[in-house]
């Protein structure tokens, strides 16, 4: 992906004072790029089962530790597909690294990166997005822009861009499989997320018609409107209410019903309902939510689990490694979702 000079970024940002995100993004070619990078690809697995993982890497700020976590955590083995969210490319907060490239190089994976945002308050390039990583050959890919539910230029984080999904077609021992790494909007409500997921379902039906498909990512299924700060504060003070909402999550998040209606098994491959996100709400407290999902069609989930990224739960770090020296309380504010998926015949 070609970098933007800071002067170019500043000109695009200035246009957002008068124009929509969509009109500005239309003139930034990087928002539609879906280059397949197979420079470090290793041999495909011998088994035709797909071992998929969803991991929101929280911008890749701890990317060296995250790579060791992926390599050495016995609960994640084996894996041959990562649907990843929140990876930086050229941002100061993550050491100006291309974090997707770092993961692919270290783990021997092909990958596709999709640009979600250009961070305007960052001191460097400021690219931030999602990725599909695969041990299976990637034959085709595209970035799907999702209907805007929130204008991030007006947020304190100040960004050009919007939510997206990366769609890719894999060759699993001669059989085509469609996958999508999805990041839905948190600054909206359940209906806003349903609209975005419906756009994904419609495009998947167009480009992967008749294929087995794995949808996954941070769907931000928090059961509330992420713009409602008063209600978020209320939930922080009444955690039992949020826990009850999560038990009935499809009542608050109609995107799950939409997936079910389209033939996807949203209940079976995401760790048996375990929580995946810790949202800080001050004073060391957090909201525990279920945001990260693996949602297959044309597969049977043989096993699925949620793996903690809390530092205190990491008991496999190798002596002298980055993970053994890691002193932060958590590797990411999201846990990992893993599933073993058997293709239907």
Foldseek 3Di string as FASTA:
>chain_A
DDFDDLVVVVVLLVCVVPDALVVSVVPVVQQKDWDKAQPLADAADPDLWAKEKEEAQQQCLVLQLVLLCCVWPPVSPPHFKYWYAKHDAQFVSNPNHRSVVVNCNSPRWMKIWHFAKQFNPTPTRRTITIMMTGNFDWDDKIKAAFPDPDGQCPPPRHIRGHWIKMWTWGQRVNATEIEIRGDADLQAFQVRLLRRLVSVLVVCCVPVPPHKYKYWYQSNLQLGRNNPPVVVVVCLVVVVVSVVCLVVSCVGHVSVVVLVVSQKDFQAQFANSAWWFFDDDDPPHTHTHRGITIIIHQWDWPDKHWAAQFLVRDPRDDPPGPSVVDDDRGSHRTIMIITTIHGHD
